[in-house]
Amino acid sequence: MKIALAQINCTVGDLVGNAARIRAATARAQAAGATILLAPELALSGYPPEDLLLRDDFYVQSAAALNSLLDAAHGITIVVGHPLKEGNRRYNAASVLRAGKIEAVYRKQRLPNDTVFDEVRYFTPGTQACVFEQDNVRFGVNICADVWEQGAACGAAQAGAEVLLVLNASPFHVGKQEERYQVVRERIRESNLPVVYCNLLGGQDELIFDGGSFVMNANGELTSQFPALAEDVYLVEIDGVSPLAGEIAPVLSTEACVYAALKLGVRDYIVKNGFSGVLLGLSGGIDSALTLALAVDALGADKVHAVMMPSEFTADISLEDARTMVTTLGVKYSELPIQGVFDSFLNGLAGEFNNLPFDLAEENIQARIRGTLLMALANKFGHIVLTTGNKSEMAVGYATLYGDMAGGFAVLRDVPKTLVYRLSNYRNGIAPVIPQRIIERAPSAELRAGQTDQDSLPPYEMLDAIIERYVEHDQTPAEIVAAGYNETEVVRVIRMIDRSEYKRRQAPVGIRITPRAFGKDRRYPITSRFRPG
């Protein structure tokens, strides 16, 4: 028998549109001879619906969308994820649709409440297994976190399941697929059930769902691995209760996977929110260059407007490299010199500044002029501003509030600077679009004469390593020093991270690609006297 996996891109709240996507996938599956269609977790509502789940009318519309699929469930069984409300209890559920009716309902038993998940806020855990028969094979149903903990998979086996179908909305971060393999193999060892794992695809605000659906047999051997970051309906063949060897998609490099995830995140955020195009400020530096390349690859050159806003501190090579890159990519390009506006600000503040030395105040005025110009263009033409700061800068506050942080979507917010370089080289390996000089020259904000990033920050290799250990792994300063890092620099970097929380709270949402990003993942107080020991 054939099982179809609908690795589809759903949109939160688009109940009618998501139902249409599931219906279309069902038609494709049926045409290919499948007798079961497996859709992702909460496919009808999109994931995560967040506080939409607290609205009664959300469940009313979800139920209507579910019922609209019943007439498609003839000659094929549809297993679809959706929110469910029964009395005062809300469930993360999956329904088995067959012969034009809802034959069975499974309620998710393990509710994740860590990292980016807060399902305990919304849902009541289920307690019962769900098993249905198709073509003389008994299928159990689990939902995502059910296979990340013990209990639910074994419960399905004890209820008579011979194959486990798992609906997932498992978000991407670097290394996530290996984690999925590991936990699924643990459940297989406990339950002795082969697993068919269908994952959601698409960008939802900061989260990326990368698909990468797969199948493992009862020995934990991978029998099918479908492409990551691609929407499609994939077929699995089962002989009795044993999955047959199928497609094994090639493993993507870290750079290829992250680049594709960032593209997907940009495209879905812009398209799903109805923006007509994007604006970004070019600086002649690597962060804005990579952001420009991603925007063009995600949306097309006709949807991208790059703006260079030079000052007296902008190097000639920055202008030259920016002009070269926009010509290569074919995007709309504007140059708006800010010197006159900057001089007006300085004249207006001359009485207050009273001949004090040029310092951070004047540097940040330039950044805020640029932010104001970009937002003015965005308002006038209905675009959204993409900010270009990276995770290294956001971690230590090396950014200007209402300046280079001004915008609607932060593409590189969770991308460390060292990975920015790797991604730039990866993109140029496909086709050279970023001038090599941008990659090779020392990074600089160009807000004062002769400035480089390393005037204020440790070398990025050291900075990124300290950030990863402190932010992503919660290591103490002593543990980081014991790993071989300079104590003075470790203390300085951690102090910068801690005191920059107020900035990060005001930053635009951005794409998550690491195991712990600022935002949903890491919720630290702004006002705090705690000092890590």
Protein backbone atom coordinates (compact mmCIF):
# COMPACT_ATOMS: atom_id res chain seq x y z
CA MET A 1 0.00 0.00 0.00
CA LYS A 2 1.03 3.61 -0.50
CA ILE A 3 0.99 6.40 2.07
CA ALA A 4 1.28 10.01 0.93
CA LEU A 5 3.05 12.58 3.09
CA ALA A 6 1.75 16.12 2.56
CA GLN A 7 4.83 18.23 3.31
CA ILE A 8 2.89 21.44 2.80
CA ASN A 9 3.31 25.13 3.56
CA CYS A 10 0.37 26.23 5.69
CA THR A 11 -0.40 29.74 6.95
CA VAL A 12 -1.53 30.44 10.49
CA GLY A 13 -5.20 31.42 10.55
CA ASP A 14 -5.86 30.70 6.88
CA LEU A 15 -8.28 27.89 7.65
CA VAL A 16 -9.98 27.94 4.25
CA GLY A 17 -6.69 28.21 2.35
CA ASN A 18 -5.04 25.46 4.39
CA ALA A 19 -8.02 23.18 3.82
CA ALA A 20 -7.71 23.83 0.09
CA ARG A 21 -4.02 22.90 0.26
CA ILE A 22 -4.83 19.65 2.04
CA ARG A 23 -7.58 18.91 -0.47
CA ALA A 24 -5.16 19.46 -3.37
CA ALA A 25 -2.59 17.19 -1.71
CA THR A 26 -5.29 14.55 -1.23
CA ALA A 27 -6.18 14.66 -4.92
CA ARG A 28 -2.52 14.20 -5.87
CA ALA A 29 -2.14 11.36 -3.40
CA GLN A 30 -5.22 9.60 -4.68
CA ALA A 31 -4.10 9.97 -8.29
CA ALA A 32 -0.80 8.34 -7.33
CA GLY A 33 -2.56 5.36 -5.77
CA ALA A 34 -2.16 6.25 -2.10
CA THR A 35 -4.77 5.03 0.36
CA ILE A 36 -3.66 7.27 3.26
CA LEU A 37 -2.76 10.96 3.21
CA LEU A 38 -0.81 12.14 6.26
CA ALA A 39 -0.81 15.92 6.86
CA PRO A 40 1.31 17.82 9.42
CA GLU A 41 0.48 18.85 12.97
CA LEU A 42 -2.19 21.58 13.12
CA ALA A 43 -2.11 21.73 9.33
CA LEU A 44 -5.63 23.17 9.22
CA SER A 45 -4.81 26.12 11.45
CA GLY A 46 -1.10 26.55 10.79
CA TYR A 47 1.47 26.34 13.57
CA PRO A 48 1.80 27.96 16.05
CA PRO A 49 -1.55 29.77 16.31
CA GLU A 50 -0.50 31.25 19.68
CA ASP A 51 -3.34 33.15 21.39
CA LEU A 52 -5.71 32.55 18.51
CA LEU A 53 -6.17 29.32 20.42
CA LEU A 54 -7.89 31.27 23.19
CA ARG A 55 -10.69 32.44 20.85
CA ASP A 56 -13.88 30.39 20.60
CA ASP A 57 -14.51 31.54 17.03
CA PHE A 58 -11.16 30.10 16.00
CA TYR A 59 -12.42 26.62 16.91
CA VAL A 60 -15.73 27.22 15.17
CA GLN A 61 -13.96 28.10 11.93
CA SER A 62 -11.49 25.23 12.39
CA ALA A 63 -14.34 22.76 12.74
CA ALA A 64 -15.96 24.13 9.59
CA ALA A 65 -12.67 23.76 7.70
CA LEU A 66 -12.32 20.18 8.94
CA ASN A 67 -15.85 19.34 7.85
CA SER A 68 -15.11 20.82 4.42
CA LEU A 69 -12.57 18.02 3.90
CA LEU A 70 -15.02 15.19 4.51
CA ASP A 71 -16.17 14.94 0.92
CA ALA A 72 -12.52 14.46 -0.12
CA ALA A 73 -12.22 11.45 2.19
CA HIS A 74 -13.70 8.89 -0.20
CA GLY A 75 -11.40 6.18 -1.48
CA ILE A 76 -8.60 7.57 0.68
CA THR A 77 -8.10 8.08 4.42
CA ILE A 78 -6.97 11.56 5.48
CA VAL A 79 -5.12 12.06 8.77
CA VAL A 80 -5.02 15.78 9.49
CA GLY A 81 -3.93 17.93 12.41
CA HIS A 82 -6.22 20.63 13.81
CA PRO A 83 -7.17 22.42 17.03
CA LEU A 84 -10.14 20.97 18.87
CA LYS A 85 -12.30 22.34 21.68
CA GLU A 86 -14.54 20.07 23.76
CA GLY A 87 -16.35 21.91 26.52
CA ASN A 88 -13.74 23.96 28.35
CA ARG A 89 -10.85 21.83 27.17
CA ARG A 90 -8.69 22.55 24.16
CA TYR A 91 -6.66 19.90 22.36
CA ASN A 92 -3.93 19.65 19.78
CA ALA A 93 -5.70 16.98 17.77
CA ALA A 94 -5.55 14.81 14.67
CA SER A 95 -8.64 13.42 13.00
CA VAL A 96 -8.91 10.33 10.82
CA LEU A 97 -11.29 11.14 7.95
CA ARG A 98 -12.71 8.24 5.97
CA ALA A 99 -15.84 7.52 3.93
CA GLY A 100 -17.00 11.09 4.33
CA LYS A 101 -16.94 11.16 8.12
CA ILE A 102 -14.63 11.68 11.11
CA GLU A 103 -13.83 8.11 12.08
CA ALA A 104 -11.46 8.76 14.98
CA VAL A 105 -9.78 11.61 16.85
CA TYR A 106 -6.38 11.57 18.55
CA ARG A 107 -5.46 14.15 21.19
CA LYS A 108 -1.77 14.94 21.64
CA GLN A 109 -0.46 13.55 24.92
CA ARG A 110 2.92 15.25 25.38
CA LEU A 111 2.71 19.05 25.33
CA PRO A 112 6.08 20.81 24.91
CA ASN A 113 6.65 23.85 27.09
CA ASP A 114 10.25 24.83 26.43
CA THR A 115 12.36 26.64 23.81
CA VAL A 116 9.84 28.10 21.33
CA PHE A 117 6.90 26.01 22.57
CA ASP A 118 4.23 26.95 25.09
CA GLU A 119 1.52 24.39 24.41
CA VAL A 120 0.74 23.96 28.11
CA ARG A 121 -0.67 27.50 27.97
CA TYR A 122 -3.31 26.39 25.50
CA PHE A 123 -3.94 22.66 25.46
CA THR A 124 -5.05 19.83 27.70
CA PRO A 125 -3.03 16.64 27.19
CA GLY A 126 -4.82 13.64 25.75
CA THR A 127 -4.74 10.30 27.48
CA GLN A 128 -5.93 7.74 24.91
CA ALA A 129 -4.19 6.01 22.02
CA CYS A 130 -5.73 6.15 18.56
CA VAL A 131 -5.49 3.18 16.20
CA PHE A 132 -7.29 2.65 12.91
CA GLU A 133 -7.11 -0.09 10.30
CA GLN A 134 -6.35 0.40 6.62
CA ASP A 135 -5.87 -2.47 4.16
CA ASN A 136 -5.42 -4.95 7.04
CA VAL A 137 -2.69 -2.85 8.69
CA ARG A 138 -3.29 -1.16 12.05
CA PHE A 139 -1.95 2.39 12.22
CA GLY A 140 -1.32 4.37 15.39
CA VAL A 141 -1.25 8.17 15.51
CA ASN A 142 1.17 10.39 17.44
CA ILE A 143 1.75 14.13 17.21
CA CYS A 144 5.25 15.65 17.24
CA ALA A 145 6.34 15.91 20.91
CA ASP A 146 4.71 12.53 21.58
CA VAL A 147 7.80 10.95 20.04
CA TRP A 148 10.22 13.22 21.91
CA GLU A 149 9.22 11.60 25.20
CA GLN A 150 8.40 8.10 26.37
CA GLY A 151 4.85 6.85 26.61
CA ALA A 152 2.67 7.76 23.65
CA ALA A 153 4.41 5.55 21.08
CA CYS A 154 4.32 2.54 23.40
CA GLY A 155 0.68 3.33 24.14
CA ALA A 156 -0.10 3.08 20.44
CA ALA A 157 1.72 -0.26 20.22
CA GLN A 158 -0.14 -1.59 23.25
CA ALA A 159 -3.42 -0.54 21.60
CA GLY A 160 -2.55 -2.74 18.63
CA ALA A 161 -0.74 -0.39 16.23
CA GLU A 162 1.66 -1.96 13.74
CA VAL A 163 2.85 1.24 12.08
CA LEU A 164 3.13 4.67 13.74
CA LEU A 165 2.06 7.79 11.82
CA VAL A 166 3.52 10.99 13.30
CA LEU A 167 2.20 14.45 12.40
CA ASN A 168 4.78 17.16 13.08
CA ALA A 169 5.34 20.89 13.22
CA SER A 170 8.98 20.63 14.20
CA PRO A 171 10.87 23.91 13.70
CA PHE A 172 14.28 24.11 12.10
CA HIS A 173 17.60 24.87 13.62
CA VAL A 174 21.07 23.76 12.60
CA GLY A 175 21.49 20.09 13.47
CA LYS A 176 17.77 19.48 14.11
CA GLN A 177 17.36 16.52 11.70
CA GLU A 178 19.89 14.41 13.58
CA GLU A 179 18.01 15.17 16.79
CA ARG A 180 14.79 13.97 15.16
CA TYR A 181 16.46 10.76 14.03
CA GLN A 182 17.75 10.13 17.53
CA VAL A 183 14.42 10.52 19.34
CA VAL A 184 12.49 8.55 16.71
CA ARG A 185 14.97 5.68 17.00
CA GLU A 186 14.48 5.74 20.77
CA ARG A 187 10.71 5.40 20.32
CA ILE A 188 11.19 2.62 17.76
CA ARG A 189 13.37 0.66 20.22
CA GLU A 190 10.68 1.02 22.89
CA SER A 191 7.64 0.31 20.72
CA ASN A 192 9.05 -1.87 17.91
CA LEU A 193 6.95 0.16 15.46
CA PRO A 194 8.10 1.54 12.12
CA VAL A 195 7.56 5.32 11.94
CA VAL A 196 6.23 7.52 9.14
CA TYR A 197 7.17 11.08 10.06
CA CYS A 198 5.51 13.98 8.19
CA ASN A 199 6.77 17.48 8.98
CA LEU A 200 5.36 20.92 8.23
CA LEU A 201 7.05 23.30 5.80
CA GLY A 202 7.17 27.09 5.76
CA GLY A 203 8.07 30.28 7.57
CA GLN A 204 5.95 31.57 10.45
CA ASP A 205 7.33 34.82 11.86
CA GLU A 206 10.67 33.79 13.40
CA LEU A 207 10.17 30.05 12.98
CA ILE A 208 11.11 27.97 9.96
CA PHE A 209 9.55 24.56 9.42
CA ASP A 210 11.89 22.68 7.15
CA GLY A 211 9.95 19.58 6.18
CA GLY A 212 12.53 16.84 5.82
CA SER A 213 9.86 14.16 6.31
CA PHE A 214 11.19 10.61 6.63
CA VAL A 215 10.41 6.96 7.30
CA MET A 216 12.21 4.43 9.51
CA ASN A 217 11.59 0.71 9.75
CA ALA A 218 11.22 -1.24 12.99
CA ASN A 219 15.01 -1.57 13.22
CA GLY A 220 15.45 2.21 13.20
CA GLU A 221 16.90 2.15 9.69
CA LEU A 222 16.12 5.09 7.43
CA THR A 223 14.10 3.80 4.46
CA SER A 224 12.97 7.15 3.02
CA GLN A 225 14.28 10.66 3.48
CA PHE A 226 12.46 13.38 1.58
CA PRO A 227 13.94 16.76 0.68
CA ALA A 228 14.17 19.50 3.26
CA LEU A 229 12.83 22.98 2.55
CA ALA A 230 10.74 21.86 -0.43
CA GLU A 231 6.96 21.60 -0.65
CA ASP A 232 5.58 18.45 -2.20
CA VAL A 233 3.52 15.31 -1.67
CA TYR A 234 5.78 12.31 -1.15
CA LEU A 235 4.91 8.63 -1.44
CA VAL A 236 5.89 5.80 0.89
CA GLU A 237 5.27 2.13 0.09
CA ILE A 238 4.50 -0.38 2.82
CA ASP A 239 4.72 -4.13 2.33
CA GLY A 240 2.64 -5.57 5.13
CA VAL A 241 3.93 -3.50 8.03
CA SER A 242 7.42 -2.94 6.59
CA PRO A 243 8.33 0.29 4.79
CA LEU A 244 10.08 -0.37 1.49
CA ALA A 245 13.29 1.40 0.51
CA GLY A 246 12.44 4.70 -1.13
CA GLU A 247 13.91 8.08 -1.92
CA ILE A 248 16.92 9.18 0.10
CA ALA A 249 17.45 12.88 -0.53
CA PRO A 250 21.06 14.10 -0.29
CA VAL A 251 22.12 15.72 2.97
CA LEU A 252 22.56 19.46 2.58
CA SER A 253 25.63 21.23 3.92
CA THR A 254 25.07 23.55 6.87
CA GLU A 255 25.50 26.56 4.60
CA ALA A 256 23.08 25.25 1.96
CA CYS A 257 20.49 24.37 4.58
CA VAL A 258 20.71 27.70 6.42
CA TYR A 259 20.67 29.70 3.20
CA ALA A 260 17.55 27.88 2.00
CA ALA A 261 15.90 28.35 5.39
CA LEU A 262 16.61 32.09 5.35
CA LYS A 263 15.22 32.37 1.82
CA LEU A 264 12.06 30.56 2.85
CA GLY A 265 11.71 32.75 5.92
CA VAL A 266 12.03 35.96 3.92
CA ARG A 267 9.65 34.84 1.19
CA ASP A 268 6.94 33.60 3.53
CA TYR A 269 7.09 36.61 5.84
CA ILE A 270 6.79 39.05 2.95
CA VAL A 271 4.25 37.13 0.88
CA LYS A 272 2.04 35.88 3.71
CA ASN A 273 1.84 39.37 5.21
CA GLY A 274 1.00 40.97 1.88
CA PHE A 275 3.95 43.33 1.42
CA SER A 276 4.56 44.45 -2.13
CA GLY A 277 8.34 44.48 -1.80
CA VAL A 278 11.31 45.14 0.45
CA LEU A 279 13.76 47.94 1.11
CA LEU A 280 17.16 47.62 2.66
CA GLY A 281 20.06 49.92 3.33
CA LEU A 282 23.32 48.96 1.67
CA SER A 283 26.54 49.90 3.41
CA GLY A 284 29.17 48.25 1.27
CA GLY A 285 29.58 45.70 4.08
CA ILE A 286 29.04 41.98 4.19
CA ASP A 287 25.84 41.87 6.27
CA SER A 288 23.84 44.12 3.95
CA ALA A 289 25.36 42.38 0.92
CA LEU A 290 24.23 38.94 2.15
CA THR A 291 20.79 40.31 3.06
CA LEU A 292 20.44 41.76 -0.44
CA ALA A 293 21.40 38.46 -2.06
CA LEU A 294 18.91 36.58 0.11
CA ALA A 295 16.13 39.05 -0.64
CA VAL A 296 16.66 38.76 -4.39
CA ASP A 297 16.86 34.98 -4.27
CA ALA A 298 13.71 34.81 -2.15
CA LEU A 299 11.54 37.41 -3.88
CA GLY A 300 13.05 38.31 -7.25
CA ALA A 301 14.97 41.44 -8.17
CA ASP A 302 11.80 43.33 -9.08
CA LYS A 303 10.62 43.19 -5.45
CA VAL A 304 13.83 44.61 -3.96
CA HIS A 305 14.95 48.23 -3.58
CA ALA A 306 18.48 48.82 -2.25
CA VAL A 307 19.41 52.23 -0.89
CA MET A 308 22.93 53.52 -0.27
CA MET A 309 23.14 56.49 2.10
CA PRO A 310 26.75 57.68 2.12
CA SER A 311 28.27 60.17 4.53
CA GLU A 312 31.69 61.76 4.80
CA PHE A 313 32.87 58.56 6.50
CA THR A 314 31.75 56.22 3.72
CA ALA A 315 34.76 54.80 1.90
CA ASP A 316 34.89 55.06 -1.89
CA ILE A 317 35.22 51.28 -2.10
CA SER A 318 31.96 50.88 -0.17
CA LEU A 319 30.14 52.89 -2.82
CA GLU A 320 31.92 51.08 -5.64
CA ASP A 321 31.14 47.63 -4.25
CA ALA A 322 27.49 48.52 -3.59
CA ARG A 323 27.08 49.78 -7.17
CA THR A 324 28.73 46.65 -8.53
CA MET A 325 26.46 44.34 -6.56
CA VAL A 326 23.17 46.05 -7.43
CA THR A 327 24.16 46.02 -11.09
CA THR A 328 24.92 42.30 -10.90
CA LEU A 329 21.59 41.53 -9.24
CA GLY A 330 19.52 43.98 -11.28
CA VAL A 331 17.64 45.56 -8.37
CA LYS A 332 16.30 49.08 -8.07
CA TYR A 333 19.01 51.24 -6.50
CA SER A 334 19.04 54.70 -4.97
CA GLU A 335 21.78 56.84 -3.48
CA LEU A 336 20.67 59.32 -0.83
CA PRO A 337 23.66 61.17 0.66
CA ILE A 338 23.02 62.04 4.29
CA GLN A 339 25.71 64.67 4.85
CA GLY A 340 23.35 67.61 4.47
CA VAL A 341 20.80 66.12 6.87
CA PHE A 342 23.58 65.21 9.30
CA ASP A 343 24.93 68.78 9.21
CA SER A 344 21.43 70.09 9.93
CA PHE A 345 21.20 67.88 13.00
CA LEU A 346 24.60 69.03 14.22
CA ASN A 347 23.68 72.67 13.68
CA GLY A 348 20.44 72.16 15.56
CA LEU A 349 22.23 70.51 18.47
CA ALA A 350 25.26 72.81 18.52
CA GLY A 351 24.01 74.80 21.50
CA GLU A 352 23.37 71.66 23.52
CA PHE A 353 26.51 69.79 22.50
CA ASN A 354 28.58 72.92 23.25
CA ASN A 355 31.71 71.82 21.39
CA LEU A 356 31.93 68.47 23.17
CA PRO A 357 34.09 65.92 21.30
CA PHE A 358 32.61 63.86 18.47
CA ASP A 359 31.51 60.53 19.98
CA LEU A 360 28.76 57.91 19.97
CA ALA A 361 26.03 60.55 19.86
CA GLU A 362 27.13 61.80 16.44
CA GLU A 363 27.70 58.25 15.21
CA ASN A 364 24.17 57.21 16.14
CA ILE A 365 22.62 60.29 14.57
CA GLN A 366 23.91 59.06 11.21
CA ALA A 367 22.41 55.61 11.74
CA ARG A 368 19.08 57.15 12.75
CA ILE A 369 19.01 59.41 9.71
CA ARG A 370 19.40 56.32 7.55
CA GLY A 371 16.68 54.50 9.45
CA THR A 372 14.33 57.46 9.02
CA LEU A 373 14.97 57.66 5.28
CA LEU A 374 14.34 53.93 4.81
CA MET A 375 11.12 54.04 6.82
CA ALA A 376 9.94 57.07 4.83
CA LEU A 377 10.45 55.19 1.57
CA ALA A 378 8.75 52.11 3.01
CA ASN A 379 5.70 54.15 4.05
CA LYS A 380 5.50 55.93 0.73
CA PHE A 381 5.67 52.81 -1.43
CA GLY A 382 4.14 50.14 0.81
CA HIS A 383 7.33 48.13 1.26
CA ILE A 384 8.88 46.67 4.39
CA VAL A 385 12.41 47.42 5.56
CA LEU A 386 14.72 44.45 6.04
CA THR A 387 17.30 45.12 8.73
CA THR A 388 20.75 43.69 8.20
CA GLY A 389 22.25 43.18 11.67
CA ASN A 390 23.57 39.76 12.66
CA LYS A 391 23.36 37.74 15.90
CA SER A 392 26.83 38.75 17.05
CA GLU A 393 25.89 42.43 16.90
CA MET A 394 22.45 41.90 18.46
CA ALA A 395 23.98 39.89 21.30
CA VAL A 396 26.34 42.62 22.45
CA GLY A 397 24.21 45.61 21.44
CA TYR A 398 26.48 46.71 18.61
CA ALA A 399 23.55 48.34 16.85
CA THR A 400 21.62 51.61 17.03
CA LEU A 401 18.07 51.76 18.31
CA TYR A 402 15.85 53.52 15.73
CA GLY A 403 18.83 53.46 13.37
CA ASP A 404 20.13 50.28 11.73
CA MET A 405 17.65 48.40 13.95
CA ALA A 406 14.72 50.27 12.36
CA GLY A 407 12.69 47.96 10.15
CA GLY A 408 10.12 45.22 9.98
CA PHE A 409 12.06 41.97 9.57
CA ALA A 410 15.57 41.04 10.70
CA VAL A 411 16.87 38.47 8.23
CA LEU A 412 20.22 37.76 9.93
CA ARG A 413 19.10 38.28 13.52
CA ASP A 414 20.10 34.74 14.52
CA VAL A 415 23.08 34.35 12.17
CA PRO A 416 26.49 34.78 13.86
CA LYS A 417 29.02 36.90 12.01
CA THR A 418 31.31 33.97 11.28
CA LEU A 419 28.39 32.19 9.62
CA VAL A 420 27.62 35.35 7.63
CA TYR A 421 31.01 34.93 5.96
CA ARG A 422 30.42 31.24 5.28
CA LEU A 423 26.99 31.94 3.78
CA SER A 424 28.41 34.69 1.58
CA ASN A 425 31.07 32.38 0.22
CA TYR A 426 28.44 29.67 -0.27
CA ARG A 427 26.23 32.05 -2.28
CA ASN A 428 29.15 33.15 -4.41
CA GLY A 429 29.92 29.50 -5.07
CA ILE A 430 26.54 29.23 -6.81
CA ALA A 431 27.15 32.41 -8.81
CA PRO A 432 29.33 35.35 -7.79
CA VAL A 433 27.07 38.20 -6.68
CA ILE A 434 28.88 39.59 -3.61
CA PRO A 435 32.09 41.42 -4.56
CA GLN A 436 35.04 39.57 -3.10
CA ARG A 437 36.39 42.78 -1.64
CA ILE A 438 33.31 43.01 0.61
CA ILE A 439 34.11 39.56 2.01
CA GLU A 440 37.80 40.23 2.50
CA ARG A 441 37.89 43.75 3.93
CA ALA A 442 37.68 44.47 7.66
CA PRO A 443 34.07 45.11 8.70
CA SER A 444 33.20 48.68 9.69
CA ALA A 445 30.10 50.67 10.58
CA GLU A 446 31.74 53.70 8.91
CA LEU A 447 30.29 56.15 11.42
CA ARG A 448 33.64 57.79 12.17
CA ALA A 449 37.00 58.07 10.46
CA GLY A 450 39.06 54.86 10.37
CA GLN A 451 36.49 52.82 12.29
CA THR A 452 36.45 49.00 12.32
CA ASP A 453 34.26 46.60 14.31
CA GLN A 454 37.26 45.31 16.22
CA ASP A 455 37.77 48.76 17.76
CA SER A 456 34.80 47.85 19.99
CA LEU A 457 34.56 44.06 19.82
CA PRO A 458 36.83 41.04 20.17
CA PRO A 459 37.66 39.14 16.97
CA TYR A 460 34.44 37.56 15.69
CA GLU A 461 35.78 34.02 16.02
CA MET A 462 36.20 34.58 19.75
CA LEU A 463 33.03 36.65 20.13
CA ASP A 464 30.80 34.08 18.43
CA ALA A 465 32.23 31.23 20.48
CA ILE A 466 31.58 33.09 23.74
CA ILE A 467 28.05 34.02 22.64
CA GLU A 468 27.26 30.43 21.72
CA ARG A 469 28.50 29.10 25.05
CA TYR A 470 26.75 31.75 27.15
CA VAL A 471 23.50 32.20 25.21
CA GLU A 472 22.88 28.79 23.68
CA HIS A 473 24.42 26.55 26.36
CA ASP A 474 24.03 28.66 29.53
CA GLN A 475 27.66 28.21 30.49
CA THR A 476 29.04 30.30 33.33
CA PRO A 477 31.94 32.70 32.83
CA ALA A 478 34.19 30.25 34.69
CA GLU A 479 33.22 27.41 32.36
CA ILE A 480 33.90 29.54 29.30
CA VAL A 481 37.29 30.61 30.65
CA ALA A 482 38.10 26.99 31.46
CA ALA A 483 37.45 26.17 27.80
CA GLY A 484 40.41 28.40 26.90
CA TYR A 485 38.97 31.90 26.42
CA ASN A 486 40.49 35.07 27.81
CA GLU A 487 38.85 35.94 31.12
CA THR A 488 38.81 39.69 30.54
CA GLU A 489 37.11 39.27 27.18
CA VAL A 490 34.63 36.72 28.52
CA VAL A 491 33.54 39.04 31.32
CA ARG A 492 33.31 42.00 28.92
CA VAL A 493 31.23 40.12 26.34
CA ILE A 494 28.84 38.70 28.94
CA ARG A 495 28.35 42.15 30.44
CA MET A 496 27.53 43.54 26.99
CA ILE A 497 25.06 40.71 26.33
CA ASP A 498 23.26 41.21 29.63
CA ARG A 499 22.94 44.97 29.42
CA SER A 500 21.68 44.88 25.81
CA GLU A 501 18.44 43.06 26.58
CA TYR A 502 16.48 46.33 26.37
CA LYS A 503 17.68 46.78 22.79
CA ARG A 504 16.77 43.28 21.71
CA ARG A 505 13.24 43.71 23.07
CA GLN A 506 12.80 46.58 20.60
CA ALA A 507 14.32 44.81 17.61
CA PRO A 508 12.18 43.49 14.74
CA VAL A 509 11.34 39.81 14.62
CA GLY A 510 13.87 37.72 12.74
CA ILE A 511 14.53 34.20 11.49
CA ARG A 512 15.62 31.54 13.99
CA ILE A 513 18.33 29.16 12.76
CA THR A 514 20.22 28.22 15.95
CA PRO A 515 19.10 26.02 18.86
CA ARG A 516 18.58 29.14 20.98
CA ALA A 517 17.72 32.47 19.47
CA PHE A 518 16.92 35.76 21.17
CA GLY A 519 13.16 36.17 21.51
CA LYS A 520 10.88 33.16 22.03
CA ASP A 521 13.83 30.97 23.00
CA ARG A 522 15.56 33.22 25.50
CA ARG A 523 13.38 35.39 27.71
CA TYR A 524 15.59 37.32 30.10
CA PRO A 525 14.45 40.25 32.23
CA ILE A 526 15.56 43.71 31.24
CA THR A 527 15.76 44.90 34.84
CA SER A 528 17.97 42.43 36.68
CA ARG A 529 20.86 42.60 39.12
CA PHE A 530 21.82 38.96 38.64
CA ARG A 531 25.42 38.45 37.63
CA PRO A 532 26.41 35.02 36.29
CA GLY A 533 28.90 33.28 38.51
